[in-house]
Amino acid sequence: MDIFITNLTPHAIEFKYRLSGVSALQVRPIPRAGTIKLSHEPEVIKSIIDQHAIYGMMDVTEALSRGIPASKLHLVYQEGKPISATQLYDLVHGRMKKRDEEAIAIAERGFEAVEEGAEDNSQEREFTLTREAASITETDGDVPRDVISPKQVLNKRSK
C-alpha cells in the first residue's frame, strides 16, 4: 500500500518515522511544497499515520471538509493516490475564499446595525423636532426658556 505525504510548510522538512522491529529511525526529506511516497504494508502505514497525527498530520480530504487552512497544517497525506494540485489549491485558496465570505457577512451585519441605529436616531430626532415645534407654537409668540440657552440670555441682558 502507498501513502503520499505533502509538506505544506515554506521550508524543507525531514519526515521521521519508526518501523516496528527496526531500531533505526527512518528519515525522508520532503522539500517545501513537495510530496513523498512511502510503500509499506497497511499496518505499517497506519502506524506511520498514528505517529504523526499527534503532530497535526491530517488526511487531505478531512482537512478540506473541515475547512482547515494550509497555514494551520504542516503535513497532509492521502492513501493510494497522490494529492492532486486541485486539492492543494483548495487548501491554500479555498480557505481564503471562505474567510472573505465570512468577512463580507460580518461587514453586512455591521452595516445593517448602523442603518438600524441611524433609523432609530432619525425617528428620535423627528420626534424631538416636532415636540419642540409644538412647544414653540403653544407659547403665543414667546420663546420658551428651555429653547434659549443661558448664554443667549446673558448676551441679551448685557446689551
C-alpha atoms as a PDB file:
ATOM      1  CA  MET A   1       0.000   0.000   0.000  1.00  0.00           C
ATOM      2  CA  ASP A   2       1.187   3.523  -0.782  1.00  0.00           C
ATOM      3  CA  ILE A   3       0.831   6.733   1.170  1.00  0.00           C
ATOM      4  CA  PHE A   4       1.631  10.159  -0.252  1.00  0.00           C
ATOM      5  CA  ILE A   5       2.695  12.840   2.203  1.00  0.00           C
ATOM      6  CA  THR A   6       2.854  16.508   1.209  1.00  0.00           C
ATOM      7  CA  ASN A   7       4.745  19.247   3.033  1.00  0.00           C
ATOM      8  CA  LEU A   8       2.695  22.464   3.234  1.00  0.00           C
ATOM      9  CA  THR A   9       5.322  24.489   5.078  1.00  0.00           C
ATOM     10  CA  PRO A  10       7.509  27.131   3.401  1.00  0.00           C
ATOM     11  CA  HIS A  11      10.680  25.171   4.212  1.00  0.00           C
ATOM     12  CA  ALA A  12      12.046  21.663   3.665  1.00  0.00           C
ATOM     13  CA  ILE A  13      11.489  19.178   6.480  1.00  0.00           C
ATOM     14  CA  GLU A  14      12.783  15.759   7.442  1.00  0.00           C
ATOM     15  CA  PHE A  15       9.936  13.270   7.754  1.00  0.00           C
ATOM     16  CA  LYS A  16      10.960  10.884  10.526  1.00  0.00           C
ATOM     17  CA  TYR A  17       9.190   7.694  11.491  1.00  0.00           C
ATOM     18  CA  ARG A  18       9.869   4.361  13.127  1.00  0.00           C
ATOM     19  CA  LEU A  19       9.126   0.917  11.781  1.00  0.00           C
ATOM     20  CA  SER A  20       8.226  -1.880  14.162  1.00  0.00           C
ATOM     21  CA  GLY A  21      11.099  -4.324  14.550  1.00  0.00           C
ATOM     22  CA  VAL A  22      13.679  -1.825  13.234  1.00  0.00           C
ATOM     23  CA  SER A  23      15.708   0.137  15.765  1.00  0.00           C
ATOM     24  CA  ALA A  24      16.934   2.778  13.314  1.00  0.00           C
ATOM     25  CA  LEU A  25      14.912   5.934  12.768  1.00  0.00           C
ATOM     26  CA  GLN A  26      13.685   6.285   9.186  1.00  0.00           C
ATOM     27  CA  VAL A  27      14.251   9.752   7.693  1.00  0.00           C
ATOM     28  CA  ARG A  28      12.925  11.033   4.370  1.00  0.00           C
ATOM     29  CA  PRO A  29      13.449  14.666   3.326  1.00  0.00           C
ATOM     30  CA  ILE A  30      10.415  16.477   1.914  1.00  0.00           C
ATOM     31  CA  PRO A  31      11.135  19.714   0.032  1.00  0.00           C
ATOM     32  CA  ARG A  32       8.847  22.683   0.602  1.00  0.00           C
ATOM     33  CA  ALA A  33       5.529  22.083  -1.155  1.00  0.00           C
ATOM     34  CA  GLY A  34       6.892  18.649  -2.063  1.00  0.00           C
ATOM     35  CA  THR A  35       5.458  15.159  -1.787  1.00  0.00           C
ATOM     36  CA  ILE A  36       6.996  11.812  -0.882  1.00  0.00           C
ATOM     37  CA  LYS A  37       5.655   8.327  -1.464  1.00  0.00           C
ATOM     38  CA  LEU A  38       6.049   5.577   1.119  1.00  0.00           C
ATOM     39  CA  SER A  39       5.231   1.973   0.217  1.00  0.00           C
ATOM     40  CA  HIS A  40       4.592  -0.390   3.131  1.00  0.00           C
ATOM     41  CA  GLU A  41       2.045  -2.837   4.476  1.00  0.00           C
ATOM     42  CA  PRO A  42      -1.290  -1.336   5.631  1.00  0.00           C
ATOM     43  CA  GLU A  43      -0.417  -1.901   9.319  1.00  0.00           C
ATOM     44  CA  VAL A  44       2.873  -0.017   8.885  1.00  0.00           C
ATOM     45  CA  ILE A  45       1.114   2.835   7.044  1.00  0.00           C
ATOM     46  CA  LYS A  46      -1.405   3.073   9.901  1.00  0.00           C
ATOM     47  CA  SER A  47       1.480   3.165  12.380  1.00  0.00           C
ATOM     48  CA  ILE A  48       3.192   6.000  10.455  1.00  0.00           C
ATOM     49  CA  ILE A  49      -0.066   7.974  10.340  1.00  0.00           C
ATOM     50  CA  ASP A  50      -0.583   7.461  14.079  1.00  0.00           C
ATOM     51  CA  GLN A  51       2.985   8.607  14.811  1.00  0.00           C
ATOM     52  CA  HIS A  52       2.410  11.928  13.019  1.00  0.00           C
ATOM     53  CA  ALA A  53      -1.297  12.513  13.700  1.00  0.00           C
ATOM     54  CA  ILE A  54      -0.440  13.806  17.172  1.00  0.00           C
ATOM     55  CA  TYR A  55       1.681  16.492  15.487  1.00  0.00           C
ATOM     56  CA  GLY A  56      -1.153  17.577  13.193  1.00  0.00           C
ATOM     57  CA  MET A  57      -0.686  15.455  10.061  1.00  0.00           C
ATOM     58  CA  MET A  58      -4.136  15.027   8.556  1.00  0.00           C
ATOM     59  CA  ASP A  59      -5.831  13.299   5.641  1.00  0.00           C
ATOM     60  CA  VAL A  60      -6.237  15.852   2.851  1.00  0.00           C
ATOM     61  CA  THR A  61      -9.946  15.112   2.323  1.00  0.00           C
ATOM     62  CA  GLU A  62     -10.643  15.585   6.032  1.00  0.00           C
ATOM     63  CA  ALA A  63      -8.739  18.883   6.045  1.00  0.00           C
ATOM     64  CA  LEU A  64     -10.747  20.091   3.051  1.00  0.00           C
ATOM     65  CA  SER A  65     -14.081  19.014   4.508  1.00  0.00           C
ATOM     66  CA  ARG A  66     -13.320  20.730   7.832  1.00  0.00           C
ATOM     67  CA  GLY A  67     -12.124  23.894   6.084  1.00  0.00           C
ATOM     68  CA  ILE A  68      -8.740  23.925   7.795  1.00  0.00           C
ATOM     69  CA  PRO A  69      -6.374  26.361   6.031  1.00  0.00           C
ATOM     70  CA  ALA A  70      -2.985  25.277   4.738  1.00  0.00           C
ATOM     71  CA  SER A  71      -1.381  27.798   7.091  1.00  0.00           C
ATOM     72  CA  LYS A  72      -2.596  25.703  10.047  1.00  0.00           C
ATOM     73  CA  LEU A  73      -1.396  22.401   8.590  1.00  0.00           C
ATOM     74  CA  HIS A  74       2.151  21.141   8.197  1.00  0.00           C
ATOM     75  CA  LEU A  75       1.665  17.765   6.595  1.00  0.00           C
ATOM     76  CA  VAL A  76      -1.246  16.209   4.738  1.00  0.00           C
ATOM     77  CA  TYR A  77      -1.475  12.692   3.391  1.00  0.00           C
ATOM     78  CA  GLN A  78      -3.560  10.570   1.097  1.00  0.00           C
ATOM     79  CA  GLU A  79      -3.558   6.816   0.834  1.00  0.00           C
ATOM     80  CA  GLY A  80      -3.397   5.097  -2.539  1.00  0.00           C
ATOM     81  CA  LYS A  81      -3.022   8.089  -4.851  1.00  0.00           C
ATOM     82  CA  PRO A  82      -1.040  11.353  -4.901  1.00  0.00           C
ATOM     83  CA  ILE A  83      -2.553  14.562  -3.585  1.00  0.00           C
ATOM     84  CA  SER A  84      -3.795  16.486  -6.604  1.00  0.00           C
ATOM     85  CA  ALA A  85      -2.932  20.064  -7.451  1.00  0.00           C
ATOM     86  CA  THR A  86      -6.623  20.913  -7.162  1.00  0.00           C
ATOM     87  CA  GLN A  87      -6.707  19.649  -3.588  1.00  0.00           C
ATOM     88  CA  LEU A  88      -3.610  21.692  -2.720  1.00  0.00           C
ATOM     89  CA  TYR A  89      -5.096  24.770  -4.397  1.00  0.00           C
ATOM     90  CA  ASP A  90      -8.324  24.313  -2.448  1.00  0.00           C
ATOM     91  CA  LEU A  91      -6.373  24.003   0.791  1.00  0.00           C
ATOM     92  CA  VAL A  92      -4.499  27.227   0.137  1.00  0.00           C
ATOM     93  CA  HIS A  93      -7.104  29.358  -1.650  1.00  0.00           C
ATOM     94  CA  GLY A  94     -10.379  27.742  -0.677  1.00  0.00           C
ATOM     95  CA  ARG A  95      -9.976  28.781   2.913  1.00  0.00           C
ATOM     96  CA  MET A  96      -9.107  32.322   1.868  1.00  0.00           C
ATOM     97  CA  LYS A  97     -12.353  32.423  -0.095  1.00  0.00           C
ATOM     98  CA  LYS A  98     -14.252  31.205   2.963  1.00  0.00           C
ATOM     99  CA  ARG A  99     -12.569  33.882   5.109  1.00  0.00           C
ATOM    100  CA  ASP A 100     -13.526  36.530   2.553  1.00  0.00           C
ATOM    101  CA  GLU A 101     -17.134  35.340   2.622  1.00  0.00           C
ATOM    102  CA  GLU A 102     -17.126  35.447   6.430  1.00  0.00           C
ATOM    103  CA  ALA A 103     -15.641  38.965   6.403  1.00  0.00           C
ATOM    104  CA  ILE A 104     -18.308  40.133   3.960  1.00  0.00           C
ATOM    105  CA  ALA A 105     -21.045  38.634   6.141  1.00  0.00           C
ATOM    106  CA  ILE A 106     -19.633  40.388   9.229  1.00  0.00           C
ATOM    107  CA  ALA A 107     -19.426  43.698   7.353  1.00  0.00           C
ATOM    108  CA  GLU A 108     -23.020  43.326   6.138  1.00  0.00           C
ATOM    109  CA  ARG A 109     -24.203  42.679   9.694  1.00  0.00           C
ATOM    110  CA  GLY A 110     -22.307  45.788  10.798  1.00  0.00           C
ATOM    111  CA  PHE A 111     -23.876  47.906   8.052  1.00  0.00           C
ATOM    112  CA  GLU A 112     -27.333  46.629   8.996  1.00  0.00           C
ATOM    113  CA  ALA A 113     -26.701  47.556  12.630  1.00  0.00           C
ATOM    114  CA  VAL A 114     -25.546  51.046  11.621  1.00  0.00           C
ATOM    115  CA  GLU A 115     -28.599  51.511   9.392  1.00  0.00           C
ATOM    116  CA  GLU A 116     -30.918  50.384  12.199  1.00  0.00           C
ATOM    117  CA  GLY A 117     -29.188  52.796  14.563  1.00  0.00           C
ATOM    118  CA  ALA A 118     -29.490  55.604  12.031  1.00  0.00           C
ATOM    119  CA  GLU A 119     -33.205  54.874  11.575  1.00  0.00           C
ATOM    120  CA  ASP A 120     -33.717  54.906  15.348  1.00  0.00           C
ATOM    121  CA  ASN A 121     -31.825  58.201  15.629  1.00  0.00           C
ATOM    122  CA  SER A 122     -33.759  59.796  12.777  1.00  0.00           C
ATOM    123  CA  GLN A 123     -37.079  58.777  14.345  1.00  0.00           C
ATOM    124  CA  GLU A 124     -35.950  60.145  17.700  1.00  0.00           C
ATOM    125  CA  ARG A 125     -34.707  63.361  16.089  1.00  0.00           C
ATOM    126  CA  GLU A 126     -38.003  63.755  14.209  1.00  0.00           C
ATOM    127  CA  PHE A 127     -39.941  63.279  17.445  1.00  0.00           C
ATOM    128  CA  THR A 128     -37.767  65.851  19.235  1.00  0.00           C
ATOM    129  CA  LEU A 129     -38.170  68.416  16.456  1.00  0.00           C
ATOM    130  CA  THR A 130     -41.947  68.022  16.353  1.00  0.00           C
ATOM    131  CA  ARG A 131     -42.124  68.299  20.153  1.00  0.00           C
ATOM    132  CA  GLU A 132     -40.048  71.498  20.077  1.00  0.00           C
ATOM    133  CA  ALA A 133     -42.139  72.919  17.246  1.00  0.00           C
ATOM    134  CA  ALA A 134     -45.296  72.172  19.220  1.00  0.00           C
ATOM    135  CA  SER A 135     -43.917  73.843  22.340  1.00  0.00           C
ATOM    136  CA  ILE A 136     -42.953  76.945  20.350  1.00  0.00           C
ATOM    137  CA  THR A 137     -46.416  77.295  18.797  1.00  0.00           C
ATOM    138  CA  GLU A 138     -48.092  76.902  22.199  1.00  0.00           C
ATOM    139  CA  THR A 139     -46.271  79.882  23.725  1.00  0.00           C
ATOM    140  CA  ASP A 140     -48.199  82.607  21.897  1.00  0.00           C
ATOM    141  CA  GLY A 141     -45.081  84.110  20.398  1.00  0.00           C
ATOM    142  CA  ASP A 142     -42.890  83.946  23.481  1.00  0.00           C
ATOM    143  CA  VAL A 143     -39.916  81.670  23.141  1.00  0.00           C
ATOM    144  CA  PRO A 144     -39.873  79.123  25.958  1.00  0.00           C
ATOM    145  CA  ARG A 145     -36.949  79.288  28.359  1.00  0.00           C
ATOM    146  CA  ASP A 146     -35.790  75.721  27.632  1.00  0.00           C
ATOM    147  CA  VAL A 147     -35.201  76.603  23.958  1.00  0.00           C
ATOM    148  CA  ILE A 148     -32.977  79.619  24.744  1.00  0.00           C
ATOM    149  CA  SER A 149     -29.574  78.787  26.114  1.00  0.00           C
ATOM    150  CA  PRO A 150     -28.247  80.568  29.215  1.00  0.00           C
ATOM    151  CA  LYS A 151     -25.530  82.151  27.072  1.00  0.00           C
ATOM    152  CA  GLN A 152     -28.147  83.774  24.825  1.00  0.00           C
ATOM    153  CA  VAL A 153     -29.967  85.139  27.880  1.00  0.00           C
ATOM    154  CA  LEU A 154     -26.754  86.702  29.195  1.00  0.00           C
ATOM    155  CA  ASN A 155     -25.994  88.277  25.816  1.00  0.00           C
ATOM    156  CA  LYS A 156     -29.449  89.911  25.672  1.00  0.00           C
ATOM    157  CA  ARG A 157     -29.201  91.289  29.210  1.00  0.00           C
ATOM    158  CA  SER A 158     -25.768  92.776  28.679  1.00  0.00           C
ATOM    159  CA  LYS A 159     -26.891  94.957  25.758  1.00  0.00           C
END
